[in-house]
Amino acid sequence: MALIIAMVGGLSACGVISGASTFSIQGTWKSVGTKGWGQAQPGAIVQFGESQATLYSPRDTYAFYKDGSDYKLEVTGVFGGTSTFKVKVRDVNNIELYSEAGSSPDVILKRVS
């Protein structure tokens, strides 16, 4: 789903940000960069569902939200431990994940569906 009009306020664990004409991370993505993180190695397929993802481990939980002008993604692996990424949305089908201190993307994802 490319763009979603959300009518509720606040953070949604399902990866949809509230507000008019917002970005949704839900869907299937392919890691297309030269670097990877967790299961999102180059060429790998990762998914973001309603509350679970496969970015770091097969059953991550995540929160995707807007923090000021930035999008943030917090991923908690099945064995614990949370990592936070700044998400640059290039367009509805292309995003880049940056570690908090990173100046180059740790993961580049292209939407498959």
N, C-alpha and C. Protein backbone atom coordinates (compact mmCIF):
# COMPACT_ATOMS: atom_id res chain seq x y z
N MET A 1 0.85 -1.17 0.00
CA MET A 1 0.00 0.00 0.00
C MET A 1 0.89 1.22 0.00
N ALA A 2 0.78 2.06 -0.99
CA ALA A 2 1.69 3.18 -1.17
C ALA A 2 1.45 4.29 -0.16
N LEU A 3 0.31 4.88 -0.17
CA LEU A 3 0.01 5.97 0.75
C LEU A 3 -1.25 5.65 1.51
N ILE A 4 -1.27 6.03 2.76
CA ILE A 4 -2.42 5.75 3.60
C ILE A 4 -2.85 7.05 4.27
N ILE A 5 -4.13 7.29 4.30
CA ILE A 5 -4.66 8.42 5.03
C ILE A 5 -5.11 7.88 6.39
N ALA A 6 -4.41 8.28 7.42
CA ALA A 6 -4.72 7.79 8.77
C ALA A 6 -5.58 8.82 9.49
N MET A 7 -6.61 8.35 10.13
CA MET A 7 -7.52 9.24 10.83
C MET A 7 -7.33 9.23 12.34
N VAL A 8 -6.41 8.41 12.85
CA VAL A 8 -6.19 8.33 14.28
C VAL A 8 -4.88 8.99 14.62
N GLY A 9 -4.72 9.44 15.84
CA GLY A 9 -3.51 10.11 16.27
C GLY A 9 -2.57 9.15 16.96
N GLY A 10 -1.30 9.57 17.09
CA GLY A 10 -0.35 8.80 17.86
C GLY A 10 0.40 7.75 17.06
N LEU A 11 1.20 6.98 17.79
CA LEU A 11 2.04 5.95 17.22
C LEU A 11 1.27 4.67 17.01
N SER A 12 1.52 4.03 15.90
CA SER A 12 0.87 2.75 15.61
C SER A 12 1.94 1.69 15.45
N ALA A 13 1.81 0.59 16.17
CA ALA A 13 2.77 -0.50 16.06
C ALA A 13 2.72 -1.16 14.69
N CYS A 14 1.67 -0.91 13.93
CA CYS A 14 1.53 -1.57 12.64
C CYS A 14 2.34 -0.89 11.55
N GLY A 15 3.05 0.17 11.86
CA GLY A 15 3.91 0.78 10.87
C GLY A 15 3.26 1.85 10.03
N VAL A 16 2.13 2.35 10.44
CA VAL A 16 1.46 3.43 9.72
C VAL A 16 1.51 4.67 10.60
N ILE A 17 1.93 5.76 10.07
CA ILE A 17 2.03 7.00 10.81
C ILE A 17 0.75 7.79 10.64
N SER A 18 0.29 8.39 11.73
CA SER A 18 -0.95 9.16 11.64
C SER A 18 -0.72 10.48 10.91
N GLY A 19 -1.78 11.03 10.37
CA GLY A 19 -1.71 12.29 9.67
C GLY A 19 -2.16 12.11 8.23
N ALA A 20 -2.29 13.19 7.54
CA ALA A 20 -2.75 13.14 6.16
C ALA A 20 -1.62 12.68 5.24
N SER A 21 -1.93 11.79 4.33
CA SER A 21 -1.02 11.33 3.31
C SER A 21 0.34 10.91 3.88
N THR A 22 0.37 9.78 4.58
CA THR A 22 1.57 9.34 5.26
C THR A 22 2.12 8.05 4.67
N PHE A 23 3.34 7.75 5.04
CA PHE A 23 4.06 6.59 4.53
C PHE A 23 3.81 5.37 5.41
N SER A 24 3.65 4.21 4.79
CA SER A 24 3.52 2.94 5.51
C SER A 24 4.70 2.05 5.18
N ILE A 25 5.31 1.47 6.19
CA ILE A 25 6.43 0.56 5.99
C ILE A 25 5.96 -0.88 5.79
N GLN A 26 4.68 -1.14 6.04
CA GLN A 26 4.18 -2.51 5.90
C GLN A 26 4.37 -3.02 4.48
N GLY A 27 4.76 -4.28 4.38
CA GLY A 27 4.91 -4.90 3.07
C GLY A 27 6.15 -5.76 3.01
N THR A 28 6.50 -6.17 1.80
CA THR A 28 7.65 -7.01 1.54
C THR A 28 8.71 -6.18 0.83
N TRP A 29 9.94 -6.27 1.31
CA TRP A 29 11.04 -5.44 0.82
C TRP A 29 12.24 -6.31 0.48
N LYS A 30 13.05 -5.87 -0.47
CA LYS A 30 14.29 -6.54 -0.81
C LYS A 30 15.46 -5.63 -0.45
N SER A 31 16.46 -6.20 0.20
CA SER A 31 17.67 -5.46 0.54
C SER A 31 18.51 -5.34 -0.73
N VAL A 32 18.70 -4.11 -1.21
CA VAL A 32 19.37 -3.88 -2.48
C VAL A 32 20.71 -3.16 -2.35
N GLY A 33 21.12 -2.87 -1.14
CA GLY A 33 22.39 -2.17 -0.95
C GLY A 33 23.57 -3.12 -0.91
N THR A 34 24.73 -2.58 -0.63
CA THR A 34 25.95 -3.39 -0.53
C THR A 34 26.24 -3.82 0.89
N LYS A 35 25.54 -3.24 1.86
CA LYS A 35 25.70 -3.60 3.27
C LYS A 35 24.38 -4.19 3.76
N GLY A 36 24.45 -4.86 4.90
CA GLY A 36 23.25 -5.43 5.48
C GLY A 36 23.27 -5.35 6.99
N TRP A 37 22.14 -5.73 7.59
CA TRP A 37 22.00 -5.74 9.04
C TRP A 37 21.06 -6.88 9.38
N GLY A 38 21.46 -7.75 10.31
CA GLY A 38 20.61 -8.87 10.68
C GLY A 38 20.30 -9.74 9.48
N GLN A 39 19.03 -10.03 9.27
CA GLN A 39 18.61 -10.84 8.12
C GLN A 39 18.54 -10.03 6.82
N ALA A 40 18.64 -8.73 6.92
CA ALA A 40 18.53 -7.86 5.74
C ALA A 40 19.89 -7.71 5.06
N GLN A 41 20.47 -8.83 4.68
CA GLN A 41 21.73 -8.82 3.94
C GLN A 41 21.42 -8.56 2.46
N PRO A 42 22.40 -8.10 1.68
CA PRO A 42 22.14 -7.82 0.27
C PRO A 42 21.46 -9.00 -0.43
N GLY A 43 20.35 -8.69 -1.11
CA GLY A 43 19.58 -9.69 -1.84
C GLY A 43 18.48 -10.35 -1.04
N ALA A 44 18.47 -10.19 0.28
CA ALA A 44 17.48 -10.84 1.14
C ALA A 44 16.13 -10.13 1.08
N ILE A 45 15.08 -10.88 1.36
CA ILE A 45 13.73 -10.35 1.44
C ILE A 45 13.36 -10.21 2.91
N VAL A 46 12.83 -9.06 3.29
CA VAL A 46 12.35 -8.83 4.65
C VAL A 46 10.90 -8.35 4.59
N GLN A 47 10.18 -8.58 5.67
CA GLN A 47 8.78 -8.20 5.71
C GLN A 47 8.47 -7.40 6.95
N PHE A 48 7.54 -6.47 6.80
CA PHE A 48 6.98 -5.71 7.91
C PHE A 48 5.48 -5.97 7.89
N GLY A 49 4.98 -6.65 8.92
CA GLY A 49 3.56 -6.93 9.04
C GLY A 49 2.90 -5.94 9.97
N GLU A 50 1.78 -6.35 10.57
CA GLU A 50 1.06 -5.45 11.48
C GLU A 50 1.89 -5.11 12.71
N SER A 51 2.52 -6.09 13.32
CA SER A 51 3.31 -5.82 14.52
C SER A 51 4.64 -6.56 14.51
N GLN A 52 4.87 -7.43 13.53
CA GLN A 52 6.12 -8.17 13.47
C GLN A 52 6.85 -7.90 12.16
N ALA A 53 8.17 -8.09 12.23
CA ALA A 53 9.02 -7.89 11.06
C ALA A 53 10.06 -9.01 11.02
N THR A 54 10.78 -9.09 9.92
CA THR A 54 11.84 -10.08 9.78
C THR A 54 13.16 -9.40 9.44
N LEU A 55 13.38 -8.24 9.99
CA LEU A 55 14.58 -7.47 9.67
C LEU A 55 15.81 -8.03 10.36
N TYR A 56 15.72 -8.29 11.64
CA TYR A 56 16.86 -8.78 12.42
C TYR A 56 16.78 -10.28 12.66
N SER A 57 15.60 -10.75 13.00
CA SER A 57 15.37 -12.16 13.27
C SER A 57 14.02 -12.54 12.67
N PRO A 58 13.66 -13.81 12.69
CA PRO A 58 12.40 -14.21 12.06
C PRO A 58 11.13 -13.63 12.69
N ARG A 59 11.23 -13.18 13.95
CA ARG A 59 10.03 -12.66 14.62
C ARG A 59 10.34 -11.42 15.44
N ASP A 60 10.77 -10.38 14.79
CA ASP A 60 11.01 -9.10 15.46
C ASP A 60 9.68 -8.42 15.75
N THR A 61 9.70 -7.55 16.74
CA THR A 61 8.62 -6.59 16.89
C THR A 61 9.21 -5.24 16.53
N TYR A 62 8.35 -4.33 16.13
CA TYR A 62 8.88 -3.03 15.71
C TYR A 62 7.88 -1.92 15.97
N ALA A 63 8.42 -0.72 16.02
CA ALA A 63 7.62 0.50 16.07
C ALA A 63 8.18 1.42 14.99
N PHE A 64 7.31 1.98 14.18
CA PHE A 64 7.69 2.89 13.11
C PHE A 64 6.91 4.17 13.34
N TYR A 65 7.60 5.29 13.47
CA TYR A 65 6.92 6.53 13.83
C TYR A 65 7.68 7.74 13.31
N LYS A 66 7.02 8.86 13.34
CA LYS A 66 7.63 10.12 12.93
C LYS A 66 8.09 10.84 14.19
N ASP A 67 9.34 11.29 14.17
CA ASP A 67 9.95 12.02 15.28
C ASP A 67 10.41 13.36 14.73
N GLY A 68 9.59 14.39 14.90
CA GLY A 68 9.88 15.67 14.28
C GLY A 68 9.73 15.54 12.78
N SER A 69 10.79 15.82 12.04
CA SER A 69 10.75 15.68 10.58
C SER A 69 11.31 14.35 10.11
N ASP A 70 11.79 13.52 11.05
CA ASP A 70 12.39 12.23 10.70
C ASP A 70 11.46 11.07 10.99
N TYR A 71 11.59 10.01 10.19
CA TYR A 71 10.95 8.74 10.51
C TYR A 71 11.94 7.91 11.30
N LYS A 72 11.45 7.17 12.30
CA LYS A 72 12.28 6.29 13.12
C LYS A 72 11.71 4.88 13.08
N LEU A 73 12.60 3.91 13.17
CA LEU A 73 12.23 2.50 13.23
C LEU A 73 12.96 1.88 14.40
N GLU A 74 12.21 1.36 15.36
CA GLU A 74 12.79 0.64 16.50
C GLU A 74 12.47 -0.83 16.32
N VAL A 75 13.51 -1.66 16.27
CA VAL A 75 13.35 -3.09 16.05
C VAL A 75 13.86 -3.84 17.26
N THR A 76 13.02 -4.74 17.80
CA THR A 76 13.41 -5.59 18.92
C THR A 76 13.43 -7.03 18.42
N GLY A 77 14.58 -7.67 18.52
CA GLY A 77 14.74 -9.04 18.06
C GLY A 77 14.04 -10.02 18.99
N VAL A 78 13.84 -11.23 18.51
CA VAL A 78 13.13 -12.27 19.25
C VAL A 78 13.84 -12.58 20.58
N PHE A 79 15.15 -12.40 20.66
CA PHE A 79 15.90 -12.66 21.89
C PHE A 79 16.16 -11.39 22.70
N GLY A 80 15.49 -10.30 22.36
CA GLY A 80 15.66 -9.03 23.06
C GLY A 80 16.66 -8.15 22.36
N GLY A 81 16.89 -7.01 22.93
CA GLY A 81 17.79 -6.04 22.33
C GLY A 81 17.07 -5.23 21.27
N THR A 82 17.11 -3.91 21.42
CA THR A 82 16.42 -3.02 20.50
C THR A 82 17.42 -2.15 19.77
N SER A 83 17.23 -2.01 18.48
CA SER A 83 18.04 -1.10 17.67
C SER A 83 17.12 -0.07 17.05
N THR A 84 17.64 1.15 16.96
CA THR A 84 16.86 2.25 16.39
C THR A 84 17.54 2.75 15.12
N PHE A 85 16.74 2.97 14.10
CA PHE A 85 17.23 3.47 12.83
C PHE A 85 16.49 4.74 12.46
N LYS A 86 17.20 5.66 11.81
CA LYS A 86 16.57 6.78 11.13
C LYS A 86 16.23 6.26 9.74
N VAL A 87 15.01 6.51 9.28
CA VAL A 87 14.55 6.01 7.99
C VAL A 87 14.41 7.19 7.03
N LYS A 88 15.14 7.13 5.94
CA LYS A 88 14.98 8.11 4.87
C LYS A 88 14.07 7.50 3.83
N VAL A 89 12.93 8.12 3.61
CA VAL A 89 11.98 7.65 2.61
C VAL A 89 12.32 8.36 1.31
N ARG A 90 12.88 7.62 0.36
CA ARG A 90 13.21 8.20 -0.94
C ARG A 90 11.95 8.37 -1.78
N ASP A 91 11.09 7.36 -1.74
CA ASP A 91 9.76 7.40 -2.33
C ASP A 91 9.01 6.22 -1.73
N VAL A 92 7.77 5.97 -2.13
CA VAL A 92 6.96 4.94 -1.48
C VAL A 92 7.54 3.54 -1.65
N ASN A 93 8.48 3.35 -2.57
CA ASN A 93 9.04 2.03 -2.81
C ASN A 93 10.52 1.90 -2.48
N ASN A 94 11.14 2.94 -1.95
CA ASN A 94 12.57 2.92 -1.66
C ASN A 94 12.86 3.65 -0.37
N ILE A 95 13.51 2.93 0.57
CA ILE A 95 13.88 3.54 1.85
C ILE A 95 15.31 3.16 2.20
N GLU A 96 15.91 3.97 3.07
CA GLU A 96 17.25 3.72 3.57
C GLU A 96 17.20 3.76 5.10
N LEU A 97 17.86 2.78 5.73
CA LEU A 97 17.93 2.72 7.19
C LEU A 97 19.33 3.11 7.64
N TYR A 98 19.40 4.07 8.55
CA TYR A 98 20.66 4.57 9.08
C TYR A 98 20.71 4.31 10.58
N SER A 99 21.86 3.84 11.08
CA SER A 99 22.02 3.76 12.53
C SER A 99 22.03 5.19 13.05
N GLU A 100 21.81 5.34 14.33
CA GLU A 100 21.72 6.69 14.91
C GLU A 100 22.95 7.54 14.59
N ALA A 101 24.13 6.95 14.53
CA ALA A 101 25.35 7.72 14.30
C ALA A 101 25.84 7.60 12.87
N GLY A 102 25.13 6.86 12.03
CA GLY A 102 25.61 6.57 10.68
C GLY A 102 25.43 7.70 9.70
N SER A 103 26.41 7.86 8.82
CA SER A 103 26.29 8.85 7.75
C SER A 103 26.01 8.19 6.41
N SER A 104 26.14 6.86 6.35
CA SER A 104 25.77 6.11 5.15
C SER A 104 24.76 5.04 5.58
N PRO A 105 23.88 4.64 4.66
CA PRO A 105 22.81 3.69 5.05
C PRO A 105 23.38 2.32 5.42
N ASP A 106 22.80 1.74 6.49
CA ASP A 106 23.14 0.39 6.90
C ASP A 106 22.38 -0.62 6.04
N VAL A 107 21.18 -0.25 5.62
CA VAL A 107 20.35 -1.12 4.79
C VAL A 107 19.59 -0.24 3.80
N ILE A 108 19.54 -0.66 2.54
CA ILE A 108 18.72 0.00 1.52
C ILE A 108 17.67 -1.00 1.09
N LEU A 109 16.41 -0.62 1.20
CA LEU A 109 15.30 -1.52 0.89
C LEU A 109 14.46 -1.00 -0.27
N LYS A 110 14.06 -1.93 -1.15
CA LYS A 110 13.17 -1.63 -2.27
C LYS A 110 11.92 -2.48 -2.08
N ARG A 111 10.75 -1.84 -2.15
CA ARG A 111 9.48 -2.56 -1.94
C ARG A 111 9.26 -3.54 -3.07
N VAL A 112 8.90 -4.78 -2.68
CA VAL A 112 8.57 -5.84 -3.63
C VAL A 112 7.05 -5.91 -3.76
N SER A 113 6.36 -5.81 -2.63
CA SER A 113 4.90 -5.79 -2.63
C SER A 113 4.38 -5.15 -1.35
